[in-house]
C-alpha atoms as a PDB file:
ATOM      1  CA  MET A   1       7.814  13.472  -2.978  1.00  0.00           C
ATOM      2  CA  LYS A   2       8.166  10.081  -4.679  1.00  0.00           C
ATOM      3  CA  GLU A   3      10.415   9.251  -7.503  1.00  0.00           C
ATOM      4  CA  ILE A   4       9.229   6.393  -9.693  1.00  0.00           C
ATOM      5  CA  ASN A   5      11.598   4.702 -12.094  1.00  0.00           C
ATOM      6  CA  CYS A   6       9.100   2.998 -14.376  1.00  0.00           C
ATOM      7  CA  LYS A   7      10.459   0.611 -17.007  1.00  0.00           C
ATOM      8  CA  THR A   8       7.123  -0.796 -18.289  1.00  0.00           C
ATOM      9  CA  SER A   9       7.267  -1.151 -21.938  1.00  0.00           C
ATOM     10  CA  ASN A  10       3.542  -0.237 -22.646  1.00  0.00           C
ATOM     11  CA  CYS A  11       1.816   2.238 -20.256  1.00  0.00           C
ATOM     12  CA  GLU A  12      -0.065   5.410 -20.990  1.00  0.00           C
ATOM     13  CA  HIS A  13       1.431   7.075 -17.806  1.00  0.00           C
ATOM     14  CA  ASN A  14       5.056   6.208 -18.564  1.00  0.00           C
ATOM     15  CA  VAL A  15       7.193   8.688 -20.501  1.00  0.00           C
ATOM     16  CA  LYS A  16      11.010   8.199 -20.466  1.00  0.00           C
ATOM     17  CA  CYS A  17      10.753   6.044 -17.330  1.00  0.00           C
ATOM     18  CA  ARG A  18       8.839   8.710 -15.471  1.00  0.00           C
ATOM     19  CA  CYS A  19       5.252   8.027 -14.228  1.00  0.00           C
ATOM     20  CA  LEU A  20       2.773  10.931 -15.005  1.00  0.00           C
ATOM     21  CA  ALA A  21      -0.233   9.379 -13.232  1.00  0.00           C
ATOM     22  CA  GLY A  22       0.024  11.572 -10.130  1.00  0.00           C
ATOM     23  CA  ILE A  23      -1.617   8.854  -8.016  1.00  0.00           C
ATOM     24  CA  ILE A  24      -0.812   5.244  -8.479  1.00  0.00           C
ATOM     25  CA  ALA A  25      -2.112   2.118  -6.721  1.00  0.00           C
ATOM     26  CA  VAL A  26      -0.069  -0.912  -5.884  1.00  0.00           C
ATOM     27  CA  GLY A  27      -2.016  -4.110  -5.065  1.00  0.00           C
ATOM     28  CA  ASP A  28      -1.525  -6.888  -2.619  1.00  0.00           C
ATOM     29  CA  ASN A  29       0.964  -8.751  -4.672  1.00  0.00           C
ATOM     30  CA  ALA A  30       2.923  -5.445  -5.542  1.00  0.00           C
ATOM     31  CA  LYS A  31       1.282  -5.201  -8.944  1.00  0.00           C
ATOM     32  CA  CYS A  32       0.712  -1.752 -10.356  1.00  0.00           C
ATOM     33  CA  LEU A  33      -3.028  -1.415 -10.634  1.00  0.00           C
ATOM     34  CA  SER A  34      -2.706   2.049 -12.365  1.00  0.00           C
ATOM     35  CA  ARG A  35      -1.189   0.698 -15.565  1.00  0.00           C
ATOM     36  CA  ILE A  36      -3.091   1.556 -18.638  1.00  0.00           C
ATOM     37  CA  LYS A  37      -1.993   0.054 -21.965  1.00  0.00           C
ATOM     38  CA  ARG A  38      -1.175   2.522 -24.662  1.00  0.00           C
ATOM     39  CA  ASP A  39      -3.192   2.443 -27.899  1.00  0.00           C
ATOM     40  CA  GLY A  40      -0.427   1.401 -30.337  1.00  0.00           C
ATOM     41  CA  GLY A  41       1.441  -0.656 -27.782  1.00  0.00           C
ATOM     42  CA  ALA A  42       5.228  -0.615 -27.235  1.00  0.00           C
ATOM     43  CA  LEU A  43       5.739   1.261 -30.570  1.00  0.00           C
ATOM     44  CA  ALA A  44       3.558   4.096 -29.366  1.00  0.00           C
ATOM     45  CA  GLN A  45       5.603   4.035 -26.083  1.00  0.00           C
ATOM     46  CA  SER A  46       8.764   4.508 -28.115  1.00  0.00           C
ATOM     47  CA  PHE A  47       7.351   7.492 -29.961  1.00  0.00           C
ATOM     48  CA  ALA A  48       6.135   9.053 -26.706  1.00  0.00           C
ATOM     49  CA  ASP A  49       9.666   8.774 -25.288  1.00  0.00           C
ATOM     50  CA  VAL A  50      11.264  10.294 -28.370  1.00  0.00           C
ATOM     51  CA  GLU A  51       8.764  13.177 -28.508  1.00  0.00           C
ATOM     52  CA  ALA A  52       9.398  14.051 -24.775  1.00  0.00           C
ATOM     53  CA  GLY A  53      12.958  15.156 -25.500  1.00  0.00           C
ATOM     54  CA  GLU A  54      16.102  14.438 -23.474  1.00  0.00           C
ATOM     55  CA  GLU A  55      15.463  17.186 -20.861  1.00  0.00           C
ATOM     56  CA  PHE A  56      12.313  15.336 -19.788  1.00  0.00           C
ATOM     57  CA  TYR A  57      14.312  12.251 -18.662  1.00  0.00           C
ATOM     58  CA  GLY A  58      14.937  12.046 -14.919  1.00  0.00           C
ATOM     59  CA  GLN A  59      12.654  14.973 -13.939  1.00  0.00           C
ATOM     60  CA  SER A  60      10.443  14.068 -10.906  1.00  0.00           C
ATOM     61  CA  THR A  61       6.978  15.057  -9.951  1.00  0.00           C
ATOM     62  CA  GLU A  62       4.806  14.797  -6.803  1.00  0.00           C
ATOM     63  CA  VAL A  63       3.309  11.321  -6.829  1.00  0.00           C
ATOM     64  CA  LEU A  64       0.985   9.632  -4.271  1.00  0.00           C
ATOM     65  CA  ILE A  65       1.422   5.927  -4.107  1.00  0.00           C
ATOM     66  CA  GLN A  66      -1.421   3.972  -2.515  1.00  0.00           C
ATOM     67  CA  CYS A  67      -0.230   0.490  -1.458  1.00  0.00           C
ATOM     68  CA  SER A  68      -1.950  -2.566  -0.082  1.00  0.00           C
ATOM     69  CA  ALA A  69       1.040  -4.863  -0.373  1.00  0.00           C
ATOM     70  CA  PRO A  70       2.599  -6.358   2.741  1.00  0.00           C
ATOM     71  CA  CYS A  71       5.751  -4.166   2.592  1.00  0.00           C
ATOM     72  CA  ALA A  72       8.144  -2.383   5.004  1.00  0.00           C
ATOM     73  CA  PHE A  73       7.376   0.880   3.282  1.00  0.00           C
ATOM     74  CA  ASN A  74       3.558   0.494   3.556  1.00  0.00           C
ATOM     75  CA  GLN A  75       2.463   2.945   6.265  1.00  0.00           C
ATOM     76  CA  ASP A  76      -1.373   3.014   6.601  1.00  0.00           C
ATOM     77  CA  GLY A  77      -1.950   2.293   2.982  1.00  0.00           C
ATOM     78  CA  LEU A  78       0.664   4.753   1.568  1.00  0.00           C
ATOM     79  CA  CYS A  79       4.242   4.113   0.369  1.00  0.00           C
ATOM     80  CA  SER A  80       6.800   5.773   2.521  1.00  0.00           C
ATOM     81  CA  ALA A  81       9.756   4.963   0.195  1.00  0.00           C
ATOM     82  CA  GLU A  82      11.383   8.081  -1.397  1.00  0.00           C
ATOM     83  CA  LYS A  83      12.022   6.139  -4.634  1.00  0.00           C
ATOM     84  CA  ILE A  84      10.530   3.007  -6.156  1.00  0.00           C
ATOM     85  CA  ASP A  85      11.278   0.990  -9.239  1.00  0.00           C
ATOM     86  CA  VAL A  86       8.429  -0.417 -11.314  1.00  0.00           C
ATOM     87  CA  ASP A  87       9.087  -2.993 -14.057  1.00  0.00           C
ATOM     88  CA  ASP A  88       7.372  -5.656 -16.170  1.00  0.00           C
ATOM     89  CA  THR A  89       7.298  -9.216 -15.054  1.00  0.00           C
ATOM     90  CA  MET A  90       5.742 -12.410 -16.496  1.00  0.00           C
ATOM     91  CA  LEU A  91       2.633 -11.746 -14.364  1.00  0.00           C
ATOM     92  CA  GLY A  92       2.269  -8.009 -14.862  1.00  0.00           C
ATOM     93  CA  THR A  93       3.885  -4.664 -13.977  1.00  0.00           C
ATOM     94  CA  LYS A  94       5.161  -4.720 -10.325  1.00  0.00           C
ATOM     95  CA  CYS A  95       6.825  -2.589  -7.748  1.00  0.00           C
ATOM     96  CA  LYS A  96      10.360  -4.057  -7.475  1.00  0.00           C
ATOM     97  CA  THR A  97      11.192  -1.974  -4.375  1.00  0.00           C
ATOM     98  CA  ARG A  98       8.829  -4.042  -2.182  1.00  0.00           C
ATOM     99  CA  VAL A  99      10.518  -5.302   0.963  1.00  0.00           C
ATOM    100  CA  SER A 100       9.002  -7.866   3.245  1.00  0.00           C
ATOM    101  CA  PRO A 101       8.095  -6.243   6.611  1.00  0.00           C
ATOM    102  CA  LYS A 102      10.120  -8.811   8.428  1.00  0.00           C
ATOM    103  CA  ASP A 103      13.246  -8.033   6.300  1.00  0.00           C
ATOM    104  CA  ARG A 104      13.475  -4.388   7.355  1.00  0.00           C
END
């Protein structure tokens, strides 16, 4: 099981910081390749979060994370971390849990 704490402000799969994609792909530079912008943007994101209700926050689901980034958690193209954080940056939405293989 993987827990994804997703703080992207405009993604179809993100509801209350929970990724509902089921399978996500992280690219070479730790960028989330599965992000799909919501019709309606950040405002639609806010409405989806409100509609989900408080009991939805923090629940986890089974998620497969395919990863091609050079990372200590990358094991044969799959992420082995039990929990990852995903957030927006100036260059896109990225996995913030990425650890250089030599740092682990």
